[in-house]
Amino acid sequence: MLSIGKKPKLSFKIKALVDQKPVELAFADLIDGPTVVSVYMRNNTSACDLQAAEMDKVLKVVAKQGFKLIGLSRDTVSSHAKYAAKHGYQYPLVSDPEDLFSQALDAIVEKSMYGKKYLGPTRAAYLFDAEGKLIGVIPKVEAARHGEQILEALKALKK
């Protein structure tokens, strides 16, 4: 995983749902201020739904602390649009089917499902400053308490 204090190369193009509209831009353009990027696996799955809902619960508190939230998964932008509409999510949702973000953060790990091994992104959250420098990591997201994890990470930054 990329070290704290380093600035990952985030110039790759992505598609995202921003302000409920599909856009295509460089990922770095989304980091236009202090930002938390939370990586999850799939829309409409139990743990990921908990993680996304927890993000939504703390969205206003996080904004008051000067940060914005971004959710990122392999899902398409059209899937994100339906997902956001269904749950009322207002934070950006990024489509990253090729795991470019996780590759940039050296956060691809071996996983196993039904005995089959494969590589995939770490379910983690990353905190960036306004210049895109990594300033914190939640290395193991606990879906049911992810909102609390985000607030704890922001509090730790102030120490």
N, C-alpha and C. Protein backbone atom coordinates (compact mmCIF):
# COMPACT_ATOMS: atom_id res chain seq x y z
N MET A 1 0.84 -1.18 0.00
CA MET A 1 0.00 0.00 0.00
C MET A 1 0.89 1.25 0.00
N LEU A 2 0.42 2.25 -0.68
CA LEU A 2 1.15 3.51 -0.77
C LEU A 2 1.35 4.10 0.63
N SER A 3 2.50 4.67 0.87
CA SER A 3 2.83 5.25 2.17
C SER A 3 2.13 6.59 2.38
N ILE A 4 1.79 6.85 3.63
CA ILE A 4 1.23 8.14 4.02
C ILE A 4 2.24 9.22 3.64
N GLY A 5 1.73 10.33 3.13
CA GLY A 5 2.59 11.43 2.71
C GLY A 5 2.93 11.40 1.24
N LYS A 6 2.67 10.29 0.57
CA LYS A 6 2.94 10.17 -0.86
C LYS A 6 1.73 10.63 -1.66
N LYS A 7 1.99 11.05 -2.87
CA LYS A 7 0.92 11.49 -3.78
C LYS A 7 0.80 10.47 -4.90
N PRO A 8 -0.29 9.70 -4.93
CA PRO A 8 -0.43 8.70 -5.99
C PRO A 8 -0.71 9.36 -7.34
N LYS A 9 -0.40 8.63 -8.39
CA LYS A 9 -0.67 9.12 -9.75
C LYS A 9 -2.13 8.81 -10.06
N LEU A 10 -2.96 9.84 -10.03
CA LEU A 10 -4.40 9.68 -10.22
C LEU A 10 -4.89 10.38 -11.48
N SER A 11 -4.02 10.47 -12.48
CA SER A 11 -4.37 11.19 -13.71
C SER A 11 -5.20 10.35 -14.69
N PHE A 12 -5.42 9.08 -14.37
CA PHE A 12 -6.18 8.21 -15.26
C PHE A 12 -7.65 8.66 -15.35
N LYS A 13 -8.26 8.37 -16.49
CA LYS A 13 -9.66 8.76 -16.73
C LYS A 13 -10.60 7.74 -16.09
N ILE A 14 -11.68 8.25 -15.53
CA ILE A 14 -12.73 7.41 -14.96
C ILE A 14 -14.10 7.97 -15.35
N LYS A 15 -15.10 7.18 -15.12
CA LYS A 15 -16.48 7.63 -15.25
C LYS A 15 -17.06 7.65 -13.85
N ALA A 16 -17.90 8.65 -13.60
CA ALA A 16 -18.44 8.79 -12.25
C ALA A 16 -19.82 9.42 -12.31
N LEU A 17 -20.54 9.25 -11.22
CA LEU A 17 -21.81 9.92 -11.02
C LEU A 17 -21.54 11.06 -10.05
N VAL A 18 -21.59 12.29 -10.55
CA VAL A 18 -21.31 13.48 -9.73
C VAL A 18 -22.51 14.40 -9.83
N ASP A 19 -23.06 14.78 -8.68
CA ASP A 19 -24.28 15.60 -8.65
C ASP A 19 -25.38 14.95 -9.48
N GLN A 20 -25.47 13.63 -9.36
CA GLN A 20 -26.49 12.82 -10.03
C GLN A 20 -26.38 12.83 -11.55
N LYS A 21 -25.22 13.22 -12.07
CA LYS A 21 -25.00 13.24 -13.52
C LYS A 21 -23.77 12.42 -13.86
N PRO A 22 -23.84 11.63 -14.95
CA PRO A 22 -22.65 10.89 -15.36
C PRO A 22 -21.62 11.83 -15.99
N VAL A 23 -20.36 11.65 -15.60
CA VAL A 23 -19.27 12.47 -16.12
C VAL A 23 -18.08 11.56 -16.40
N GLU A 24 -17.18 12.04 -17.27
CA GLU A 24 -15.91 11.36 -17.50
C GLU A 24 -14.82 12.40 -17.28
N LEU A 25 -13.85 12.06 -16.43
CA LEU A 25 -12.80 13.00 -16.08
C LEU A 25 -11.62 12.24 -15.51
N ALA A 26 -10.53 12.96 -15.27
CA ALA A 26 -9.39 12.35 -14.59
C ALA A 26 -9.75 12.19 -13.12
N PHE A 27 -9.37 11.06 -12.53
CA PHE A 27 -9.70 10.85 -11.12
C PHE A 27 -9.17 12.00 -10.27
N ALA A 28 -7.98 12.49 -10.59
CA ALA A 28 -7.36 13.58 -9.83
C ALA A 28 -8.26 14.81 -9.75
N ASP A 29 -9.10 15.02 -10.77
CA ASP A 29 -9.99 16.17 -10.77
C ASP A 29 -11.08 16.08 -9.69
N LEU A 30 -11.34 14.87 -9.20
CA LEU A 30 -12.30 14.71 -8.11
C LEU A 30 -11.71 15.11 -6.76
N ILE A 31 -10.39 15.09 -6.67
CA ILE A 31 -9.70 15.45 -5.42
C ILE A 31 -9.42 16.95 -5.49
N ASP A 32 -10.47 17.74 -5.36
CA ASP A 32 -10.35 19.19 -5.45
C ASP A 32 -10.40 19.85 -4.08
N GLY A 33 -10.18 19.05 -3.08
CA GLY A 33 -10.15 19.49 -1.70
C GLY A 33 -9.93 18.24 -0.85
N PRO A 34 -9.87 18.39 0.46
CA PRO A 34 -9.71 17.20 1.31
C PRO A 34 -10.83 16.20 1.03
N THR A 35 -10.45 14.94 0.84
CA THR A 35 -11.40 13.94 0.35
C THR A 35 -11.15 12.58 1.00
N VAL A 36 -12.25 11.87 1.24
CA VAL A 36 -12.20 10.47 1.68
C VAL A 36 -12.74 9.63 0.53
N VAL A 37 -11.95 8.68 0.05
CA VAL A 37 -12.38 7.75 -1.00
C VAL A 37 -12.55 6.38 -0.36
N SER A 38 -13.77 5.88 -0.39
CA SER A 38 -14.09 4.59 0.21
C SER A 38 -14.31 3.56 -0.90
N VAL A 39 -13.50 2.50 -0.88
CA VAL A 39 -13.57 1.46 -1.90
C VAL A 39 -14.47 0.33 -1.40
N TYR A 40 -15.45 -0.01 -2.20
CA TYR A 40 -16.31 -1.15 -1.89
C TYR A 40 -16.41 -2.02 -3.13
N MET A 41 -17.01 -3.19 -3.01
CA MET A 41 -16.96 -4.16 -4.10
C MET A 41 -18.11 -4.00 -5.10
N ARG A 42 -19.34 -4.00 -4.64
CA ARG A 42 -20.49 -4.02 -5.56
C ARG A 42 -21.70 -3.34 -4.96
N ASN A 43 -22.43 -2.61 -5.79
CA ASN A 43 -23.73 -2.08 -5.39
C ASN A 43 -24.69 -3.24 -5.12
N ASN A 44 -25.63 -3.01 -4.24
CA ASN A 44 -26.71 -3.97 -3.97
C ASN A 44 -26.22 -5.32 -3.45
N THR A 45 -25.19 -5.28 -2.62
CA THR A 45 -24.76 -6.46 -1.87
C THR A 45 -24.76 -6.07 -0.40
N SER A 46 -25.00 -7.02 0.48
CA SER A 46 -25.28 -6.69 1.88
C SER A 46 -24.20 -5.84 2.55
N ALA A 47 -22.95 -6.28 2.53
CA ALA A 47 -21.90 -5.53 3.22
C ALA A 47 -21.66 -4.18 2.55
N CYS A 48 -21.69 -4.15 1.24
CA CYS A 48 -21.45 -2.90 0.52
C CYS A 48 -22.58 -1.91 0.76
N ASP A 49 -23.80 -2.41 0.84
CA ASP A 49 -24.93 -1.54 1.15
C ASP A 49 -24.78 -0.92 2.53
N LEU A 50 -24.32 -1.71 3.50
CA LEU A 50 -24.06 -1.17 4.84
C LEU A 50 -22.98 -0.10 4.80
N GLN A 51 -21.91 -0.37 4.07
CA GLN A 51 -20.80 0.57 3.96
C GLN A 51 -21.28 1.89 3.35
N ALA A 52 -22.02 1.81 2.26
CA ALA A 52 -22.53 3.02 1.59
C ALA A 52 -23.49 3.79 2.49
N ALA A 53 -24.36 3.08 3.19
CA ALA A 53 -25.31 3.73 4.10
C ALA A 53 -24.58 4.43 5.25
N GLU A 54 -23.53 3.81 5.74
CA GLU A 54 -22.74 4.42 6.81
C GLU A 54 -22.07 5.71 6.32
N MET A 55 -21.61 5.70 5.08
CA MET A 55 -21.03 6.92 4.51
C MET A 55 -22.08 8.01 4.45
N ASP A 56 -23.27 7.65 4.02
CA ASP A 56 -24.35 8.62 3.91
C ASP A 56 -24.71 9.22 5.27
N LYS A 57 -24.66 8.41 6.32
CA LYS A 57 -25.00 8.88 7.68
C LYS A 57 -24.07 9.99 8.15
N VAL A 58 -22.80 9.93 7.74
CA VAL A 58 -21.81 10.89 8.24
C VAL A 58 -21.47 11.98 7.23
N LEU A 59 -22.16 11.98 6.09
CA LEU A 59 -21.83 12.91 5.01
C LEU A 59 -21.79 14.36 5.48
N LYS A 60 -22.79 14.81 6.21
CA LYS A 60 -22.85 16.21 6.65
C LYS A 60 -21.78 16.53 7.68
N VAL A 61 -21.51 15.60 8.58
CA VAL A 61 -20.48 15.82 9.60
C VAL A 61 -19.11 15.90 8.93
N VAL A 62 -18.87 15.03 7.97
CA VAL A 62 -17.61 15.02 7.23
C VAL A 62 -17.44 16.34 6.47
N ALA A 63 -18.52 16.81 5.85
CA ALA A 63 -18.48 18.08 5.11
C ALA A 63 -18.16 19.24 6.04
N LYS A 64 -18.72 19.23 7.24
CA LYS A 64 -18.45 20.31 8.21
C LYS A 64 -16.98 20.33 8.61
N GLN A 65 -16.32 19.18 8.48
CA GLN A 65 -14.89 19.10 8.81
C GLN A 65 -14.02 19.40 7.59
N GLY A 66 -14.67 19.81 6.49
CA GLY A 66 -13.93 20.24 5.32
C GLY A 66 -13.59 19.14 4.32
N PHE A 67 -14.13 17.96 4.51
CA PHE A 67 -13.85 16.83 3.61
C PHE A 67 -15.08 16.49 2.79
N LYS A 68 -14.84 15.88 1.64
CA LYS A 68 -15.94 15.31 0.88
C LYS A 68 -15.74 13.81 0.81
N LEU A 69 -16.82 13.09 0.53
CA LEU A 69 -16.79 11.64 0.42
C LEU A 69 -16.97 11.21 -1.02
N ILE A 70 -16.29 10.14 -1.40
CA ILE A 70 -16.45 9.52 -2.71
C ILE A 70 -16.53 8.02 -2.48
N GLY A 71 -17.51 7.38 -3.10
CA GLY A 71 -17.59 5.92 -3.10
C GLY A 71 -17.05 5.41 -4.42
N LEU A 72 -16.35 4.29 -4.39
CA LEU A 72 -15.73 3.76 -5.60
C LEU A 72 -15.92 2.24 -5.64
N SER A 73 -16.39 1.75 -6.79
CA SER A 73 -16.52 0.31 -6.99
C SER A 73 -16.33 0.00 -8.46
N ARG A 74 -16.42 -1.28 -8.79
CA ARG A 74 -16.29 -1.73 -10.18
C ARG A 74 -17.59 -1.53 -10.97
N ASP A 75 -18.66 -1.15 -10.31
CA ASP A 75 -19.96 -1.00 -10.98
C ASP A 75 -19.94 0.08 -12.05
N THR A 76 -20.83 -0.02 -13.01
CA THR A 76 -20.95 0.98 -14.06
C THR A 76 -21.60 2.26 -13.53
N VAL A 77 -21.46 3.33 -14.27
CA VAL A 77 -22.10 4.58 -13.88
C VAL A 77 -23.62 4.43 -13.89
N SER A 78 -24.17 3.69 -14.83
CA SER A 78 -25.63 3.51 -14.86
C SER A 78 -26.09 2.73 -13.63
N SER A 79 -25.31 1.76 -13.19
CA SER A 79 -25.62 1.05 -11.96
C SER A 79 -25.56 2.01 -10.77
N HIS A 80 -24.52 2.86 -10.75
CA HIS A 80 -24.39 3.85 -9.67
C HIS A 80 -25.59 4.81 -9.66
N ALA A 81 -26.05 5.21 -10.83
CA ALA A 81 -27.19 6.15 -10.91
C ALA A 81 -28.43 5.52 -10.29
N LYS A 82 -28.70 4.26 -10.60
CA LYS A 82 -29.86 3.57 -10.02
C LYS A 82 -29.68 3.39 -8.52
N TYR A 83 -28.48 3.05 -8.11
CA TYR A 83 -28.15 2.83 -6.71
C TYR A 83 -28.33 4.12 -5.90
N ALA A 84 -27.79 5.21 -6.42
CA ALA A 84 -27.91 6.51 -5.73
C ALA A 84 -29.36 6.95 -5.65
N ALA A 85 -30.11 6.76 -6.73
CA ALA A 85 -31.52 7.14 -6.74
C ALA A 85 -32.31 6.30 -5.74
N LYS A 86 -32.04 5.02 -5.70
CA LYS A 86 -32.74 4.10 -4.79
C LYS A 86 -32.53 4.48 -3.33
N HIS A 87 -31.29 4.88 -2.99
CA HIS A 87 -30.95 5.15 -1.59
C HIS A 87 -30.85 6.64 -1.25
N GLY A 88 -30.92 7.50 -2.26
CA GLY A 88 -30.83 8.93 -2.01
C GLY A 88 -29.42 9.42 -1.74
N TYR A 89 -28.41 8.70 -2.20
CA TYR A 89 -27.03 9.11 -1.95
C TYR A 89 -26.68 10.35 -2.77
N GLN A 90 -26.02 11.30 -2.11
CA GLN A 90 -25.64 12.56 -2.75
C GLN A 90 -24.15 12.67 -3.01
N TYR A 91 -23.37 11.75 -2.50
CA TYR A 91 -21.93 11.83 -2.72
C TYR A 91 -21.57 11.16 -4.06
N PRO A 92 -20.45 11.56 -4.67
CA PRO A 92 -20.05 10.97 -5.96
C PRO A 92 -19.78 9.48 -5.85
N LEU A 93 -20.15 8.76 -6.90
CA LEU A 93 -19.87 7.33 -7.00
C LEU A 93 -19.05 7.11 -8.26
N VAL A 94 -17.88 6.52 -8.10
CA VAL A 94 -16.94 6.33 -9.20
C VAL A 94 -17.00 4.89 -9.70
N SER A 95 -16.97 4.77 -11.02
CA SER A 95 -16.89 3.46 -11.67
C SER A 95 -15.43 3.18 -12.01
N ASP A 96 -14.91 2.09 -11.46
CA ASP A 96 -13.50 1.74 -11.69
C ASP A 96 -13.39 0.23 -11.96
N PRO A 97 -13.92 -0.22 -13.10
CA PRO A 97 -13.93 -1.65 -13.39
C PRO A 97 -12.55 -2.28 -13.56
N GLU A 98 -11.56 -1.48 -13.84
CA GLU A 98 -10.20 -2.00 -14.04
C GLU A 98 -9.32 -1.82 -12.80
N ASP A 99 -9.91 -1.36 -11.69
CA ASP A 99 -9.20 -1.18 -10.43
C ASP A 99 -8.00 -0.24 -10.54
N LEU A 100 -8.11 0.79 -11.38
CA LEU A 100 -7.00 1.72 -11.58
C LEU A 100 -6.66 2.49 -10.31
N PHE A 101 -7.69 2.87 -9.54
CA PHE A 101 -7.44 3.58 -8.29
C PHE A 101 -6.64 2.71 -7.33
N SER A 102 -7.10 1.49 -7.13
CA SER A 102 -6.40 0.58 -6.20
C SER A 102 -4.99 0.26 -6.68
N GLN A 103 -4.82 0.15 -7.99
CA GLN A 103 -3.47 -0.07 -8.52
C GLN A 103 -2.57 1.12 -8.20
N ALA A 104 -3.10 2.33 -8.34
CA ALA A 104 -2.32 3.54 -8.06
C ALA A 104 -1.90 3.62 -6.60
N LEU A 105 -2.70 2.99 -5.73
CA LEU A 105 -2.38 3.00 -4.30
C LEU A 105 -1.72 1.71 -3.85
N ASP A 106 -1.34 0.87 -4.81
CA ASP A 106 -0.72 -0.42 -4.51
C ASP A 106 -1.56 -1.19 -3.49
N ALA A 107 -2.86 -1.27 -3.78
CA ALA A 107 -3.81 -1.89 -2.86
C ALA A 107 -4.62 -3.00 -3.53
N ILE A 108 -3.96 -3.75 -4.38
CA ILE A 108 -4.57 -4.94 -4.99
C ILE A 108 -4.07 -6.14 -4.18
N VAL A 109 -5.00 -6.98 -3.76
CA VAL A 109 -4.65 -8.13 -2.92
C VAL A 109 -5.25 -9.41 -3.49
N GLU A 110 -4.71 -10.52 -3.07
CA GLU A 110 -5.28 -11.81 -3.46
C GLU A 110 -6.50 -12.09 -2.59
N LYS A 111 -7.58 -12.49 -3.25
CA LYS A 111 -8.81 -12.80 -2.55
C LYS A 111 -9.22 -14.21 -2.92
N SER A 112 -10.20 -14.72 -2.21
CA SER A 112 -10.70 -16.07 -2.48
C SER A 112 -12.21 -16.10 -2.31
N MET A 113 -12.89 -16.69 -3.28
CA MET A 113 -14.34 -16.86 -3.17
C MET A 113 -14.68 -18.24 -3.73
N TYR A 114 -15.37 -19.02 -2.91
CA TYR A 114 -15.75 -20.38 -3.30
C TYR A 114 -14.53 -21.19 -3.74
N GLY A 115 -13.40 -20.98 -3.06
CA GLY A 115 -12.19 -21.72 -3.35
C GLY A 115 -11.38 -21.19 -4.53
N LYS A 116 -11.93 -20.22 -5.23
CA LYS A 116 -11.23 -19.64 -6.39
C LYS A 116 -10.46 -18.40 -5.94
N LYS A 117 -9.19 -18.34 -6.29
CA LYS A 117 -8.36 -17.18 -5.95
C LYS A 117 -8.34 -16.20 -7.11
N TYR A 118 -8.34 -14.91 -6.76
CA TYR A 118 -8.29 -13.86 -7.77
C TYR A 118 -7.72 -12.60 -7.12
N LEU A 119 -7.36 -11.64 -7.93
CA LEU A 119 -6.86 -10.37 -7.43
C LEU A 119 -7.97 -9.33 -7.45
N GLY A 120 -8.00 -8.49 -6.43
CA GLY A 120 -9.02 -7.44 -6.37
C GLY A 120 -8.60 -6.34 -5.43
N PRO A 121 -9.38 -5.26 -5.41
CA PRO A 121 -9.05 -4.12 -4.55
C PRO A 121 -9.30 -4.41 -3.08
N THR A 122 -8.50 -3.81 -2.24
CA THR A 122 -8.71 -3.88 -0.80
C THR A 122 -9.93 -3.05 -0.44
N ARG A 123 -10.81 -3.59 0.42
CA ARG A 123 -11.93 -2.80 0.94
C ARG A 123 -11.33 -1.88 2.00
N ALA A 124 -11.05 -0.66 1.59
CA ALA A 124 -10.37 0.30 2.46
C ALA A 124 -10.88 1.70 2.14
N ALA A 125 -10.48 2.66 2.96
CA ALA A 125 -10.81 4.07 2.69
C ALA A 125 -9.52 4.87 2.81
N TYR A 126 -9.41 5.86 1.94
CA TYR A 126 -8.19 6.65 1.82
C TYR A 126 -8.52 8.12 2.01
N LEU A 127 -7.72 8.81 2.81
CA LEU A 127 -7.92 10.22 3.08
C LEU A 127 -6.84 11.01 2.36
N PHE A 128 -7.27 12.02 1.60
CA PHE A 128 -6.37 12.85 0.82
C PHE A 128 -6.50 14.30 1.25
N ASP A 129 -5.38 15.04 1.15
CA ASP A 129 -5.45 16.48 1.37
C ASP A 129 -5.85 17.14 0.04
N ALA A 130 -5.93 18.45 0.04
CA ALA A 130 -6.40 19.19 -1.14
C ALA A 130 -5.47 19.04 -2.34
N GLU A 131 -4.21 18.69 -2.12
CA GLU A 131 -3.26 18.52 -3.21
C GLU A 131 -3.20 17.07 -3.72
N GLY A 132 -3.99 16.19 -3.13
CA GLY A 132 -4.00 14.80 -3.56
C GLY A 132 -2.99 13.92 -2.87
N LYS A 133 -2.39 14.41 -1.79
CA LYS A 133 -1.43 13.62 -1.03
C LYS A 133 -2.18 12.73 -0.04
N LEU A 134 -1.78 11.48 0.08
CA LEU A 134 -2.41 10.54 1.01
C LEU A 134 -2.05 10.93 2.44
N ILE A 135 -3.07 11.20 3.25
CA ILE A 135 -2.82 11.64 4.63
C ILE A 135 -3.37 10.68 5.67
N GLY A 136 -4.10 9.66 5.23
CA GLY A 136 -4.63 8.68 6.17
C GLY A 136 -5.25 7.50 5.42
N VAL A 137 -5.33 6.36 6.12
CA VAL A 137 -5.92 5.16 5.54
C VAL A 137 -6.73 4.43 6.60
N ILE A 138 -7.87 3.96 6.20
CA ILE A 138 -8.63 2.99 7.00
C ILE A 138 -8.39 1.67 6.28
N PRO A 139 -7.42 0.87 6.75
CA PRO A 139 -6.97 -0.29 5.97
C PRO A 139 -7.97 -1.43 5.88
N LYS A 140 -8.87 -1.51 6.83
CA LYS A 140 -9.86 -2.59 6.82
C LYS A 140 -11.21 -1.99 7.19
N VAL A 141 -12.00 -1.71 6.17
CA VAL A 141 -13.33 -1.15 6.40
C VAL A 141 -14.21 -2.21 7.04
N GLU A 142 -14.86 -1.82 8.13
CA GLU A 142 -15.89 -2.64 8.76
C GLU A 142 -17.21 -2.02 8.32
N ALA A 143 -17.91 -2.67 7.41
CA ALA A 143 -19.07 -2.08 6.75
C ALA A 143 -20.08 -1.49 7.73
N ALA A 144 -20.43 -2.22 8.77
CA ALA A 144 -21.48 -1.79 9.69
C ALA A 144 -21.08 -0.60 10.56
N ARG A 145 -19.80 -0.29 10.63
CA ARG A 145 -19.37 0.87 11.43
C ARG A 145 -18.44 1.79 10.65
N HIS A 146 -18.62 1.80 9.33
CA HIS A 146 -17.73 2.58 8.48
C HIS A 146 -17.84 4.08 8.74
N GLY A 147 -19.05 4.56 9.01
CA GLY A 147 -19.20 5.99 9.32
C GLY A 147 -18.37 6.38 10.53
N GLU A 148 -18.44 5.56 11.56
CA GLU A 148 -17.66 5.78 12.77
C GLU A 148 -16.16 5.72 12.46
N GLN A 149 -15.76 4.78 11.61
CA GLN A 149 -14.34 4.68 11.22
C GLN A 149 -13.86 5.95 10.53
N ILE A 150 -14.69 6.50 9.66
CA ILE A 150 -14.32 7.73 8.95
C ILE A 150 -14.15 8.87 9.94
N LEU A 151 -15.10 9.02 10.86
CA LEU A 151 -15.01 10.12 11.84
C LEU A 151 -13.79 9.95 12.74
N GLU A 152 -13.47 8.70 13.12
CA GLU A 152 -12.27 8.44 13.94
C GLU A 152 -11.00 8.82 13.16
N ALA A 153 -10.98 8.49 11.88
CA ALA A 153 -9.80 8.82 11.06
C ALA A 153 -9.63 10.33 10.92
N LEU A 154 -10.73 11.05 10.75
CA LEU A 154 -10.65 12.51 10.66
C LEU A 154 -10.20 13.11 11.98
N LYS A 155 -10.69 12.57 13.07
CA LYS A 155 -10.29 13.05 14.40
C LYS A 155 -8.80 12.82 14.62
N ALA A 156 -8.30 11.67 14.17
CA ALA A 156 -6.87 11.35 14.33
C ALA A 156 -5.99 12.32 13.55
N LEU A 157 -6.50 12.84 12.45
CA LEU A 157 -5.73 13.81 11.65
C LEU A 157 -5.50 15.11 12.41
N LYS A 158 -6.43 15.45 13.29
CA LYS A 158 -6.34 16.71 14.02
C LYS A 158 -5.36 16.67 15.17
N LYS A 159 -4.93 15.46 15.54
CA LYS A 159 -4.02 15.33 16.70
C LYS A 159 -2.62 15.75 16.35
